[in-house]
């Protein structure tokens, strides 16, 4: 079995933690999916995990994580457009 470098382990942990912070925050009412911070933690966490899934290439995780990041970025853009037009 191949040893995973400590830096990759730390990044993977950080990415998962960011996503879980967003998820738990939304579920417990601490964060709103319409707020910037929720979408920032989701975009950052999923982008980190997406890049880690590139090597070794894991198609399912790559699609999941980069799609998750794209949706979070789209939501951020929507929030900023609404703020600008208000």
Protein backbone atom coordinates (compact mmCIF):
# COMPACT_ATOMS: atom_id res chain seq x y z
CA UNK A 1 0.00 0.00 0.00
CA UNK A 2 1.31 3.43 -0.97
CA UNK A 3 2.05 5.90 1.83
CA UNK A 4 0.15 9.20 1.49
CA UNK A 5 2.39 12.24 2.11
CA UNK A 6 1.59 14.20 5.30
CA UNK A 7 0.94 17.42 3.33
CA UNK A 8 -1.70 15.69 1.19
CA UNK A 9 -3.28 14.23 4.34
CA UNK A 10 -3.37 17.69 5.96
CA UNK A 11 -4.88 19.29 2.84
CA UNK A 12 -7.44 16.52 2.57
CA UNK A 13 -8.40 17.00 6.22
CA UNK A 14 -8.68 20.78 5.74
CA UNK A 15 -10.86 20.38 2.64
CA UNK A 16 -13.18 17.93 4.33
CA UNK A 17 -13.35 20.11 7.45
CA UNK A 18 -14.34 23.17 5.39
CA UNK A 19 -17.16 21.28 3.68
CA UNK A 20 -18.35 19.85 6.99
CA UNK A 21 -18.31 23.29 8.62
CA UNK A 22 -20.57 24.58 5.86
CA UNK A 23 -22.86 21.57 6.00
CA UNK A 24 -23.17 21.49 9.79
CA UNK A 25 -23.54 25.26 9.93
CA UNK A 26 -26.44 25.15 7.50
CA UNK A 27 -28.09 22.19 9.20
CA UNK A 28 -27.86 23.73 12.68
CA UNK A 29 -28.90 27.21 11.51
CA UNK A 30 -25.54 28.90 12.12
CA UNK A 31 -25.00 29.59 8.41
CA UNK A 32 -27.30 30.25 5.50
CA UNK A 33 -26.72 28.86 2.02
CA UNK A 34 -27.47 32.36 0.75
CA UNK A 35 -24.50 33.85 2.62
CA UNK A 36 -20.99 34.40 1.31
CA UNK A 37 -19.16 32.46 4.05
CA UNK A 38 -21.18 29.29 3.46
CA UNK A 39 -20.34 29.27 -0.23
CA UNK A 40 -16.70 30.22 0.35
CA UNK A 41 -16.09 27.27 2.69
CA UNK A 42 -17.87 24.92 0.29
CA UNK A 43 -15.97 26.19 -2.76
CA UNK A 44 -12.60 26.08 -1.00
CA UNK A 45 -13.12 22.68 0.58
CA UNK A 46 -14.41 21.03 -2.57
CA UNK A 47 -11.68 22.59 -4.74
CA UNK A 48 -9.00 21.26 -2.39
CA UNK A 49 -10.51 17.77 -2.43
CA UNK A 50 -10.99 17.94 -6.20
CA UNK A 51 -7.31 18.67 -6.78
CA UNK A 52 -6.30 15.88 -4.42
CA UNK A 53 -8.59 13.46 -6.33
CA UNK A 54 -6.68 14.21 -9.55
CA UNK A 55 -3.74 12.09 -8.39
CA UNK A 56 -4.31 9.24 -8.45
CA UNK A 57 -7.16 10.10 -10.79
CA UNK A 58 -10.50 9.18 -9.25
CA UNK A 59 -13.18 10.14 -11.75
CA UNK A 60 -16.16 10.02 -9.40
CA UNK A 61 -14.51 12.22 -6.79
CA UNK A 62 -13.13 14.62 -9.40
CA UNK A 63 -16.61 15.13 -10.87
CA UNK A 64 -18.25 15.41 -7.44
CA UNK A 65 -15.78 17.88 -5.97
CA UNK A 66 -15.30 20.15 -8.98
CA UNK A 67 -19.06 20.26 -9.61
CA UNK A 68 -19.57 21.13 -5.94
CA UNK A 69 -16.98 23.92 -6.25
CA UNK A 70 -18.57 25.23 -9.47
CA UNK A 71 -22.03 25.36 -7.90
CA UNK A 72 -20.65 27.17 -4.85
CA UNK A 73 -18.86 29.69 -7.08
CA UNK A 74 -22.05 30.21 -9.09
CA UNK A 75 -23.92 30.88 -5.83
CA UNK A 76 -21.25 33.38 -4.78
CA UNK A 77 -21.55 35.19 -8.11
CA UNK A 78 -25.32 35.32 -7.68
CA UNK A 79 -24.95 36.79 -4.18
CA UNK A 80 -22.56 39.48 -5.41
CA UNK A 81 -24.82 40.33 -8.38
CA UNK A 82 -27.79 40.73 -6.06
CA UNK A 83 -25.79 42.97 -3.69
CA UNK A 84 -24.62 45.11 -6.61
CA UNK A 85 -28.15 45.57 -7.98
CA UNK A 86 -29.64 46.39 -4.56
